[in-house]
């Protein structure tokens, strides 16, 4: 008797096997839609059409648009977790010069953001809508990175590496300038000499940011 057939006969009815491909393409299409249109403007049917799947799959995988949005945020959190871990490590490596650690932190922040180029637009659209979703973003995608980068900036100020200034504002400006520049790179590309590849953009951004923030130092 064929074992495979036996297993097929013995299988009890229930939910179908999880379709990881369908879930992945919906997350990708959902992130793009929420970044362009915000939560209120995004439509399940449009997301499914962009993903090339039946709209019923959204309900199957996520249950609702709200659940899909939260799953998109959770995917971003997972994608950016290595950056957060690196920032926390650099924060505590006090045996290394702070300028070296801050240089690495800012460069890694740019590199990670370039791997999630819709991040700035996503945060901007949802932030503009206010409501409870911005609190969820604060707790998962904004405050953890702020809290990890801020001590490096404050240490650099104490050591005279960068000028003393309101550290919360500087941290907020740096992270937003990076994410917005990456998200709106298509506008930057229209300028004369505009950078077109994401790799070239990451390199140029690192050079510009480090030369500006460490203007009083030799890099």
Foldseek 3Di string as FASTA:
>chain_A
DDPVVVVVVPDDDDDDDDDVLLLVLLLVLLLVQCLVQNLVGDDLCNSCVSSVHDSVVCCVVQNDSVRSVVVNLVVLLVLCVVLLVLLQVLLPPVVDDLLVSLLVNLLVLLVSLLVVLSVLSNLVRHVVVDDPVNVVCCVRPNVSSLVSNLSSVVVCCVVVQFPDDPSSVVSVVSNNVSNVCSNVLVVQQPDVVRDDDSVVVSVVVSVVVSCVRRVVHDD
